[in-house]
Amino acid sequence: MTSSAEHAEHTSDRPDGTAVQDAGNTPARRGRVRARRAAVMAVPAAAVAAGLAILTAEGALGVQFAISGMPFTVTATELNGTGFAQFGALDEMAEGSPNAGDTGGQVLVVTSVIKNATLTKLCQSVDLGGTNLVIRAGEGTQKVTASDLTTDSTQLSGDAAFNNIEIGNDASTLDKAGPKGRGPKGVFSQQSDTVHIANLRQTNYATTAGVFKLPGLKLGFSGSGC
């Protein structure tokens, strides 16, 4: 029978205590997994140049499906939301994904949750290699609307403003964005009553929403993305 110390050499733990089997047993592989786990637990809030949105960290899986591992770009001239929460997460690809590279199939992301959101001139694009699949909506008088909007991002920029913001919360105690805007215990997070971001630009790996309305939807292929 192996001891718990020996077992720890062959598995990596998520911050919520769930064991994740390593794809390999090399020290470099274990080091990368432990580094990502540490980053998820400890990333501080940081205002990024000229009022950009603040990044934080959660410690559990950000979405409950395997991501493709292909990042996509989202832009909007304006985002307004009520009930905002932000923390970090580890998104996981399907086992054996060709997009895993040396990541071990995990991507450290910032999870942003907005209870109710409106977006103006939304653009979403994914590079398919040689061409881009582009979606546009909300370019007319009607704006894109979403409820329980959740995005898992590796980059986020814009000019941001928050009302009644709280920074440094335990993620398990968040209550402004509803149940979906709550993370595991012991994880750094933030929340606010409202959020406004002008000139929003994100690199995302996953998006979910309870309801997502896209007036004036246009989908097509293009030589350039958003």
Protein backbone atom coordinates (compact mmCIF):
# COMPACT_ATOMS: atom_id res chain seq x y z
CA MET A 1 0.00 0.00 0.00
CA THR A 2 1.34 3.40 -0.93
CA SER A 3 1.49 6.20 1.60
CA SER A 4 -0.44 9.47 1.05
CA ALA A 5 2.89 11.22 0.39
CA GLU A 6 3.75 8.69 -2.33
CA HIS A 7 0.27 9.04 -3.83
CA ALA A 8 0.70 12.81 -3.99
CA GLU A 9 3.70 12.37 -6.25
CA HIS A 10 1.43 10.86 -8.93
CA THR A 11 -1.68 13.02 -8.75
CA SER A 12 -2.40 16.71 -8.69
CA ASP A 13 -5.18 18.14 -6.56
CA ARG A 14 -7.61 20.81 -7.55
CA PRO A 15 -8.08 23.49 -4.89
CA ASP A 16 -11.47 21.92 -4.02
CA GLY A 17 -9.74 18.65 -3.12
CA THR A 18 -10.65 16.60 -6.20
CA ALA A 19 -7.79 14.50 -7.54
CA VAL A 20 -6.85 14.87 -11.17
CA GLN A 21 -4.82 12.05 -12.72
CA ASP A 22 -1.62 13.31 -14.41
CA ALA A 23 -1.24 12.55 -18.09
CA GLY A 24 2.37 11.61 -17.35
CA ASN A 25 4.64 11.19 -14.33
CA THR A 26 7.51 13.44 -15.33
CA PRO A 27 8.65 16.08 -12.82
CA ALA A 28 8.14 18.83 -15.43
CA ARG A 29 4.50 17.79 -15.93
CA ARG A 30 3.81 17.76 -12.18
CA GLY A 31 5.52 21.11 -11.82
CA ARG A 32 3.29 22.72 -14.45
CA VAL A 33 0.11 21.36 -12.84
CA ARG A 34 1.18 22.56 -9.38
CA ALA A 35 2.11 25.97 -10.76
CA ARG A 36 -1.31 26.38 -12.36
CA ARG A 37 -3.03 25.27 -9.14
CA ALA A 38 -1.02 27.80 -7.14
CA ALA A 39 -1.86 30.56 -9.62
CA VAL A 40 -5.58 29.80 -9.37
CA MET A 41 -5.49 30.11 -5.58
CA ALA A 42 -3.31 33.19 -5.33
CA VAL A 43 -3.75 35.56 -8.28
CA PRO A 44 -4.44 39.00 -6.77
CA ALA A 45 -6.77 41.63 -8.18
CA ALA A 46 -4.81 43.95 -10.48
CA ALA A 47 -5.98 47.08 -12.26
CA VAL A 48 -4.45 46.76 -15.71
CA ALA A 49 -3.49 50.15 -17.23
CA ALA A 50 -5.92 53.04 -17.52
CA GLY A 51 -8.93 51.51 -15.79
CA LEU A 52 -8.90 48.08 -17.42
CA ALA A 53 -11.00 45.37 -15.83
CA ILE A 54 -9.59 43.69 -12.73
CA LEU A 55 -8.44 40.08 -12.94
CA THR A 56 -8.89 37.57 -10.14
CA ALA A 57 -8.81 33.80 -9.56
CA GLU A 58 -11.13 30.86 -8.77
CA GLY A 59 -10.04 27.34 -7.96
CA ALA A 60 -12.46 24.90 -9.62
CA LEU A 61 -13.43 23.98 -13.14
CA GLY A 62 -14.80 27.07 -14.84
CA VAL A 63 -17.29 25.30 -17.11
CA GLN A 64 -18.84 21.87 -16.86
CA PHE A 65 -17.87 20.79 -20.37
CA ALA A 66 -14.58 19.98 -22.06
CA ILE A 67 -13.30 23.01 -23.95
CA SER A 68 -11.92 22.70 -27.48
CA GLY A 69 -8.72 24.49 -26.48
CA MET A 70 -9.18 26.96 -29.37
CA PRO A 71 -9.36 30.56 -28.09
CA PHE A 72 -11.86 32.99 -29.59
CA THR A 73 -11.99 36.77 -29.57
CA VAL A 74 -14.97 38.79 -28.30
CA THR A 75 -15.30 42.55 -28.68
CA ALA A 76 -18.05 45.08 -27.93
CA THR A 77 -18.10 48.84 -27.99
CA GLU A 78 -19.90 48.77 -24.65
CA LEU A 79 -20.91 46.28 -21.98
CA ASN A 80 -23.26 47.10 -19.11
CA GLY A 81 -24.19 44.63 -16.42
CA THR A 82 -25.87 44.24 -13.05
CA GLY A 83 -24.71 41.63 -10.57
CA PHE A 84 -21.02 41.08 -11.34
CA ALA A 85 -18.54 38.54 -9.96
CA GLN A 86 -15.02 37.55 -11.00
CA PHE A 87 -12.63 34.80 -9.96
CA GLY A 88 -10.25 32.31 -11.60
CA ALA A 89 -10.73 28.80 -12.91
CA LEU A 90 -9.08 25.86 -14.62
CA ASP A 91 -10.78 24.86 -17.86
CA GLU A 92 -10.05 21.37 -19.14
CA MET A 93 -9.85 19.99 -22.66
CA ALA A 94 -11.04 16.56 -23.72
CA GLU A 95 -8.50 13.85 -22.99
CA GLY A 96 -5.98 13.59 -25.81
CA SER A 97 -7.01 16.91 -27.40
CA PRO A 98 -4.63 17.90 -30.22
CA ASN A 99 -4.81 21.48 -28.88
CA ALA A 100 -3.35 20.59 -25.48
CA GLY A 101 0.29 21.16 -26.46
CA ASP A 102 2.40 21.30 -23.29
CA THR A 103 -0.50 22.59 -21.12
CA GLY A 104 -1.54 19.15 -19.92
CA GLY A 105 -5.01 19.93 -21.25
CA GLN A 106 -5.66 22.71 -18.70
CA VAL A 107 -6.03 26.46 -19.23
CA LEU A 108 -5.90 28.96 -16.37
CA VAL A 109 -8.71 31.47 -16.99
CA VAL A 110 -10.50 34.38 -15.36
CA THR A 111 -14.19 33.64 -14.92
CA SER A 112 -16.50 36.66 -15.14
CA VAL A 113 -20.18 36.27 -14.27
CA ILE A 114 -22.86 38.90 -14.95
CA LYS A 115 -26.43 38.31 -13.80
CA ASN A 116 -27.89 40.55 -16.51
CA ALA A 117 -25.81 42.04 -19.34
CA THR A 118 -26.27 44.19 -22.44
CA LEU A 119 -23.64 44.51 -25.17
CA THR A 120 -23.42 46.94 -28.08
CA LYS A 121 -21.93 45.90 -31.42
CA LEU A 122 -20.87 42.43 -30.33
CA CYS A 123 -18.29 40.62 -32.46
CA GLN A 124 -17.00 37.08 -31.89
CA SER A 125 -14.39 35.37 -34.05
CA VAL A 126 -12.35 32.18 -34.01
CA ASP A 127 -9.28 31.56 -36.15
CA LEU A 128 -9.76 28.27 -38.01
CA GLY A 129 -6.41 28.45 -39.75
CA GLY A 130 -6.52 30.42 -42.96
CA THR A 131 -10.02 31.78 -42.31
CA ASN A 132 -12.06 33.14 -39.42
CA LEU A 133 -15.59 32.27 -38.36
CA VAL A 134 -17.14 35.63 -37.39
CA ILE A 135 -20.42 36.35 -35.59
CA ARG A 136 -21.80 39.88 -35.28
CA ALA A 137 -24.94 41.13 -33.52
CA GLY A 138 -26.42 44.15 -31.80
CA GLU A 139 -25.20 46.63 -34.41
CA GLY A 140 -28.57 48.38 -34.77
CA THR A 141 -30.87 49.98 -32.22
CA GLN A 142 -31.37 46.67 -30.37
CA LYS A 143 -28.54 45.49 -28.13
CA VAL A 144 -27.39 41.98 -27.35
CA THR A 145 -28.79 40.81 -24.00
CA ALA A 146 -27.81 37.89 -21.79
CA SER A 147 -28.75 36.49 -18.40
CA ASP A 148 -26.30 34.54 -16.21
CA LEU A 149 -23.55 35.38 -18.71
CA THR A 150 -20.30 33.58 -17.88
CA THR A 151 -17.02 33.97 -19.77
CA ASP A 152 -13.72 32.18 -19.19
CA SER A 153 -10.93 34.47 -20.44
CA THR A 154 -7.16 34.57 -20.60
CA GLN A 155 -7.09 38.24 -21.63
CA LEU A 156 -9.52 41.08 -20.97
CA SER A 157 -9.16 44.79 -21.67
CA GLY A 158 -11.28 47.91 -21.81
CA ASP A 159 -12.17 50.99 -19.79
CA ALA A 160 -14.04 49.74 -16.73
CA ALA A 161 -16.16 51.22 -13.96
CA PHE A 162 -17.74 49.38 -11.01
CA ASN A 163 -20.37 50.42 -8.46
CA ASN A 164 -20.10 49.16 -4.87
CA ILE A 165 -17.17 46.89 -5.64
CA GLU A 166 -15.79 44.43 -3.08
CA ILE A 167 -12.27 43.06 -3.68
CA GLY A 168 -10.69 40.17 -1.80
CA ASN A 169 -13.83 38.21 -0.97
CA ASP A 170 -13.79 34.49 -0.30
CA ALA A 171 -15.29 33.22 -3.56
CA SER A 172 -17.71 30.94 -1.73
CA THR A 173 -19.43 33.96 -0.13
CA LEU A 174 -20.19 35.93 -3.31
CA ASP A 175 -23.85 36.88 -3.66
CA LYS A 176 -24.23 39.71 -6.18
CA ALA A 177 -24.32 37.58 -9.37
CA GLY A 178 -26.48 34.73 -8.08
CA PRO A 179 -25.49 31.07 -7.58
CA LYS A 180 -23.44 30.90 -10.79
CA GLY A 181 -21.32 33.80 -9.55
CA ARG A 182 -19.93 31.88 -6.61
CA GLY A 183 -16.64 29.95 -6.39
CA PRO A 184 -15.06 27.51 -3.92
CA LYS A 185 -14.04 28.35 -0.38
CA GLY A 186 -10.63 29.91 0.20
CA VAL A 187 -10.31 31.49 -3.26
CA PHE A 188 -9.67 35.18 -3.98
CA SER A 189 -12.48 37.00 -5.80
CA GLN A 190 -14.35 40.25 -6.31
CA GLN A 191 -17.91 41.39 -6.96
CA SER A 192 -19.87 44.57 -7.61
CA ASP A 193 -23.45 45.76 -8.01
CA THR A 194 -22.82 46.97 -11.57
CA VAL A 195 -20.09 46.87 -14.21
CA HIS A 196 -19.51 49.08 -17.24
CA ILE A 197 -16.76 48.34 -19.77
CA ALA A 198 -16.19 50.46 -22.87
CA ASN A 199 -14.13 49.09 -25.78
CA LEU A 200 -14.30 45.57 -24.39
CA ARG A 201 -11.90 43.00 -25.83
CA GLN A 202 -11.55 39.42 -24.54
CA THR A 203 -9.71 36.26 -25.45
CA ASN A 204 -12.07 33.52 -24.29
CA TYR A 205 -12.07 29.74 -24.07
CA ALA A 206 -15.71 29.30 -23.02
CA THR A 207 -18.96 31.25 -22.75
CA THR A 208 -22.28 30.19 -21.25
CA ALA A 209 -25.55 31.99 -20.64
CA GLY A 210 -29.03 31.20 -19.39
CA VAL A 211 -30.58 33.26 -22.19
CA PHE A 212 -28.56 34.91 -24.99
CA LYS A 213 -30.44 37.17 -27.44
CA LEU A 214 -28.57 38.28 -30.58
CA PRO A 215 -30.60 40.78 -32.63
CA GLY A 216 -29.37 41.28 -36.19
CA LEU A 217 -27.22 38.14 -36.04
CA LYS A 218 -24.74 37.74 -38.89
CA LEU A 219 -22.48 34.69 -39.24
CA GLY A 220 -19.90 34.10 -41.91
CA PHE A 221 -16.26 33.48 -42.85
CA SER A 222 -13.72 36.26 -43.19
CA GLY A 223 -10.02 36.72 -43.81
CA SER A 224 -9.79 38.73 -40.58
CA GLY A 225 -11.30 38.41 -37.11
CA CYS A 226 -12.76 40.93 -34.65
